[in-house]
Amino acid sequence: MAGARPTLLFAHGMYMNGRSWAPWVELARAAGFEPLVPSWPYHDGEPAELRCHIDPQLGRLTFGQVVRHYIDVIGTLAEPPLVIGHSVGGLVVQRLLNGGLVKAGVFISSAPPRGFVSLDPHFFRANLPHVNPSPATGR
């Protein structure tokens, strides 16, 4: 399809949803791309509402299910998209690239794959609740 705008797929991180990419959507359109900003399963909707009513299935969502979700989205497209991901979305981008499912990808401050440790202090600060060996404090 000549003249079609290339799709630019955005992949968000763990504590965000597709709406977090809103400032980038207009920039992408202005640059000639067709932006696509799907949210992960159980992440779609207004962030304030989602924080008040957390779907219990969200806690059981696996990385594999998130990747499968993006593969399903890509399967609806006429051609492989370009992708940009942040944090866990960056790790999703790496999996999509590795699977040959996208044209090209950019990962911003990507979460490391299982078995790798980041020594970035910002990574530790953001992820301390997930790696803290102390028992829950009830907060």
C-alpha atoms as a PDB file:
ATOM      1  CA  MET A   1       0.000   0.000   0.000  1.00  0.00           C
ATOM      2  CA  ALA A   2       2.012   2.975  -1.294  1.00  0.00           C
ATOM      3  CA  GLY A   3       1.789   6.154   0.740  1.00  0.00           C
ATOM      4  CA  ALA A   4       0.705   4.388   3.943  1.00  0.00           C
ATOM      5  CA  ARG A   5       2.140   5.831   7.113  1.00  0.00           C
ATOM      6  CA  PRO A   6       4.480   3.423   8.933  1.00  0.00           C
ATOM      7  CA  THR A   7       3.146   2.217  12.277  1.00  0.00           C
ATOM      8  CA  LEU A   8       5.063   3.226  15.383  1.00  0.00           C
ATOM      9  CA  LEU A   9       4.058   0.938  18.252  1.00  0.00           C
ATOM     10  CA  PHE A  10       4.734   2.126  21.803  1.00  0.00           C
ATOM     11  CA  ALA A  11       5.202  -0.332  24.695  1.00  0.00           C
ATOM     12  CA  HIS A  12       4.777   1.058  28.210  1.00  0.00           C
ATOM     13  CA  GLY A  13       6.351  -0.076  31.461  1.00  0.00           C
ATOM     14  CA  MET A  14       4.930  -1.870  34.464  1.00  0.00           C
ATOM     15  CA  TYR A  15       3.307   1.019  36.331  1.00  0.00           C
ATOM     16  CA  MET A  16       1.960   2.878  33.300  1.00  0.00           C
ATOM     17  CA  ASN A  17      -0.476   2.289  30.479  1.00  0.00           C
ATOM     18  CA  GLY A  18      -0.799   3.370  26.874  1.00  0.00           C
ATOM     19  CA  ARG A  19      -1.876   6.847  27.939  1.00  0.00           C
ATOM     20  CA  SER A  20       1.606   7.505  29.315  1.00  0.00           C
ATOM     21  CA  TRP A  21       2.771   7.890  25.714  1.00  0.00           C
ATOM     22  CA  ALA A  22       0.255  10.697  24.977  1.00  0.00           C
ATOM     23  CA  PRO A  23       2.906  13.428  24.549  1.00  0.00           C
ATOM     24  CA  TRP A  24       4.690  11.224  22.011  1.00  0.00           C
ATOM     25  CA  VAL A  25       1.615  10.392  19.949  1.00  0.00           C
ATOM     26  CA  GLU A  26       1.289  13.824  18.369  1.00  0.00           C
ATOM     27  CA  LEU A  27       5.041  14.020  17.779  1.00  0.00           C
ATOM     28  CA  ALA A  28       4.876  10.665  15.992  1.00  0.00           C
ATOM     29  CA  ARG A  29       1.925  11.777  13.835  1.00  0.00           C
ATOM     30  CA  ALA A  30       3.645  15.033  12.964  1.00  0.00           C
ATOM     31  CA  ALA A  31       6.722  13.045  11.916  1.00  0.00           C
ATOM     32  CA  GLY A  32       4.643  10.928   9.524  1.00  0.00           C
ATOM     33  CA  PHE A  33       3.978   7.828  11.628  1.00  0.00           C
ATOM     34  CA  GLU A  34       0.746   6.152  12.617  1.00  0.00           C
ATOM     35  CA  PRO A  35       1.126   5.754  16.394  1.00  0.00           C
ATOM     36  CA  LEU A  36      -0.329   2.732  18.150  1.00  0.00           C
ATOM     37  CA  VAL A  37      -0.385   2.728  21.964  1.00  0.00           C
ATOM     38  CA  PRO A  38      -1.993  -0.448  23.287  1.00  0.00           C
ATOM     39  CA  SER A  39      -2.139  -0.974  27.021  1.00  0.00           C
ATOM     40  CA  TRP A  40      -1.287  -4.285  28.637  1.00  0.00           C
ATOM     41  CA  PRO A  41      -4.159  -6.530  29.681  1.00  0.00           C
ATOM     42  CA  TYR A  42      -5.812  -5.100  32.831  1.00  0.00           C
ATOM     43  CA  HIS A  43      -4.022  -1.747  32.306  1.00  0.00           C
ATOM     44  CA  ASP A  44      -6.473  -0.121  29.865  1.00  0.00           C
ATOM     45  CA  GLY A  45      -8.429   2.909  31.065  1.00  0.00           C
ATOM     46  CA  GLU A  46      -7.970   6.111  33.005  1.00  0.00           C
ATOM     47  CA  PRO A  47      -4.975   5.793  35.340  1.00  0.00           C
ATOM     48  CA  ALA A  48      -6.758   7.417  38.310  1.00  0.00           C
ATOM     49  CA  GLU A  49      -9.663   4.976  37.977  1.00  0.00           C
ATOM     50  CA  LEU A  50      -7.315   2.012  37.579  1.00  0.00           C
ATOM     51  CA  ARG A  51      -5.491   2.964  40.793  1.00  0.00           C
ATOM     52  CA  CYS A  52      -8.806   2.985  42.669  1.00  0.00           C
ATOM     53  CA  HIS A  53     -10.041  -0.318  41.221  1.00  0.00           C
ATOM     54  CA  ILE A  54      -7.113  -2.650  40.580  1.00  0.00           C
ATOM     55  CA  ASP A  55      -8.117  -5.777  38.695  1.00  0.00           C
ATOM     56  CA  PRO A  56      -6.983  -8.773  40.800  1.00  0.00           C
ATOM     57  CA  GLN A  57      -5.828 -10.530  37.608  1.00  0.00           C
ATOM     58  CA  LEU A  58      -3.180  -7.848  37.178  1.00  0.00           C
ATOM     59  CA  GLY A  59      -1.076  -9.454  39.912  1.00  0.00           C
ATOM     60  CA  ARG A  60      -0.999 -12.715  37.949  1.00  0.00           C
ATOM     61  CA  LEU A  61      -0.074 -11.140  34.600  1.00  0.00           C
ATOM     62  CA  THR A  62       3.181 -12.638  33.317  1.00  0.00           C
ATOM     63  CA  PHE A  63       5.821 -11.172  31.062  1.00  0.00           C
ATOM     64  CA  GLY A  64       4.998 -13.878  28.524  1.00  0.00           C
ATOM     65  CA  GLN A  65       1.354 -12.783  28.474  1.00  0.00           C
ATOM     66  CA  VAL A  66       2.408  -9.171  27.903  1.00  0.00           C
ATOM     67  CA  VAL A  67       4.646 -10.204  24.996  1.00  0.00           C
ATOM     68  CA  ARG A  68       1.830 -12.358  23.581  1.00  0.00           C
ATOM     69  CA  HIS A  69      -0.495  -9.317  23.791  1.00  0.00           C
ATOM     70  CA  TYR A  70       1.897  -7.252  21.660  1.00  0.00           C
ATOM     71  CA  ILE A  71       2.343 -10.140  19.219  1.00  0.00           C
ATOM     72  CA  ASP A  72      -1.453 -10.273  18.846  1.00  0.00           C
ATOM     73  CA  VAL A  73      -1.568  -6.508  18.195  1.00  0.00           C
ATOM     74  CA  ILE A  74       1.221  -6.819  15.617  1.00  0.00           C
ATOM     75  CA  GLY A  75      -0.713  -9.647  13.964  1.00  0.00           C
ATOM     76  CA  THR A  76      -3.509  -7.210  13.090  1.00  0.00           C
ATOM     77  CA  LEU A  77      -1.157  -4.926  11.139  1.00  0.00           C
ATOM     78  CA  ALA A  78      -0.481  -5.036   7.404  1.00  0.00           C
ATOM     79  CA  GLU A  79       3.284  -4.907   7.969  1.00  0.00           C
ATOM     80  CA  PRO A  80       5.686  -5.118  10.916  1.00  0.00           C
ATOM     81  CA  PRO A  81       5.834  -1.886  12.922  1.00  0.00           C
ATOM     82  CA  LEU A  82       8.657   0.126  14.355  1.00  0.00           C
ATOM     83  CA  VAL A  83       8.549  -0.075  18.170  1.00  0.00           C
ATOM     84  CA  ILE A  84       9.623   2.037  21.124  1.00  0.00           C
ATOM     85  CA  GLY A  85       9.474   0.745  24.675  1.00  0.00           C
ATOM     86  CA  HIS A  86      10.319   2.000  28.130  1.00  0.00           C
ATOM     87  CA  SER A  87      11.291  -0.081  31.177  1.00  0.00           C
ATOM     88  CA  VAL A  88       9.541  -3.459  30.911  1.00  0.00           C
ATOM     89  CA  GLY A  89       8.218  -2.188  27.573  1.00  0.00           C
ATOM     90  CA  GLY A  90      11.869  -1.964  26.518  1.00  0.00           C
ATOM     91  CA  LEU A  91      12.316  -5.613  27.381  1.00  0.00           C
ATOM     92  CA  VAL A  92       9.190  -6.373  25.324  1.00  0.00           C
ATOM     93  CA  VAL A  93      10.806  -4.540  22.397  1.00  0.00           C
ATOM     94  CA  GLN A  94      13.894  -6.727  22.719  1.00  0.00           C
ATOM     95  CA  ARG A  95      11.774  -9.892  22.638  1.00  0.00           C
ATOM     96  CA  LEU A  96       9.872  -8.649  19.569  1.00  0.00           C
ATOM     97  CA  LEU A  97      13.132  -7.771  17.820  1.00  0.00           C
ATOM     98  CA  ASN A  98      14.625 -11.131  18.725  1.00  0.00           C
ATOM     99  CA  GLY A  99      11.574 -12.862  17.256  1.00  0.00           C
ATOM    100  CA  GLY A 100      11.829 -10.936  13.987  1.00  0.00           C
ATOM    101  CA  LEU A 101       8.337  -9.504  14.505  1.00  0.00           C
ATOM    102  CA  VAL A 102       9.175  -5.819  14.049  1.00  0.00           C
ATOM    103  CA  LYS A 103      11.188  -3.712  11.588  1.00  0.00           C
ATOM    104  CA  ALA A 104      13.252  -1.929  14.219  1.00  0.00           C
ATOM    105  CA  GLY A 105      13.066  -1.021  17.865  1.00  0.00           C
ATOM    106  CA  VAL A 106      14.250   1.418  20.475  1.00  0.00           C
ATOM    107  CA  PHE A 107      14.297   0.566  24.159  1.00  0.00           C
ATOM    108  CA  ILE A 108      14.591   3.351  26.691  1.00  0.00           C
ATOM    109  CA  SER A 109      15.894   2.535  30.169  1.00  0.00           C
ATOM    110  CA  SER A 110      14.978  -1.088  29.575  1.00  0.00           C
ATOM    111  CA  ALA A 111      14.376  -3.545  32.374  1.00  0.00           C
ATOM    112  CA  PRO A 112      17.052  -6.226  32.290  1.00  0.00           C
ATOM    113  CA  PRO A 113      16.218  -9.785  31.258  1.00  0.00           C
ATOM    114  CA  ARG A 114      15.895 -12.460  33.941  1.00  0.00           C
ATOM    115  CA  GLY A 115      19.294 -13.382  35.313  1.00  0.00           C
ATOM    116  CA  PHE A 116      20.889  -9.997  34.639  1.00  0.00           C
ATOM    117  CA  VAL A 117      21.338  -7.311  37.260  1.00  0.00           C
ATOM    118  CA  SER A 118      21.408  -3.594  36.557  1.00  0.00           C
ATOM    119  CA  LEU A 119      23.766  -1.535  38.695  1.00  0.00           C
ATOM    120  CA  ASP A 120      21.985   1.687  37.778  1.00  0.00           C
ATOM    121  CA  PRO A 121      20.934   3.405  41.059  1.00  0.00           C
ATOM    122  CA  HIS A 122      17.723   4.663  39.399  1.00  0.00           C
ATOM    123  CA  PHE A 123      16.802   1.087  38.539  1.00  0.00           C
ATOM    124  CA  PHE A 124      17.341  -0.005  42.159  1.00  0.00           C
ATOM    125  CA  ARG A 125      15.276   2.865  43.530  1.00  0.00           C
ATOM    126  CA  ALA A 126      12.388   2.177  41.140  1.00  0.00           C
ATOM    127  CA  ASN A 127      12.418  -1.573  41.756  1.00  0.00           C
ATOM    128  CA  LEU A 128      13.213  -1.819  45.464  1.00  0.00           C
ATOM    129  CA  PRO A 129       9.632  -2.871  46.331  1.00  0.00           C
ATOM    130  CA  HIS A 130      10.079  -5.929  44.094  1.00  0.00           C
ATOM    131  CA  VAL A 131      13.454  -7.054  45.392  1.00  0.00           C
ATOM    132  CA  ASN A 132      13.251  -6.048  49.039  1.00  0.00           C
ATOM    133  CA  PRO A 133      13.933  -9.199  51.104  1.00  0.00           C
ATOM    134  CA  SER A 134      12.277  -7.663  54.195  1.00  0.00           C
ATOM    135  CA  PRO A 135       8.767  -8.802  55.065  1.00  0.00           C
ATOM    136  CA  ALA A 136       5.924  -6.505  54.040  1.00  0.00           C
ATOM    137  CA  THR A 137       5.457  -3.600  56.432  1.00  0.00           C
ATOM    138  CA  GLY A 138       1.721  -3.287  55.817  1.00  0.00           C
ATOM    139  CA  ARG A 139       2.095  -0.131  53.746  1.00  0.00           C
END
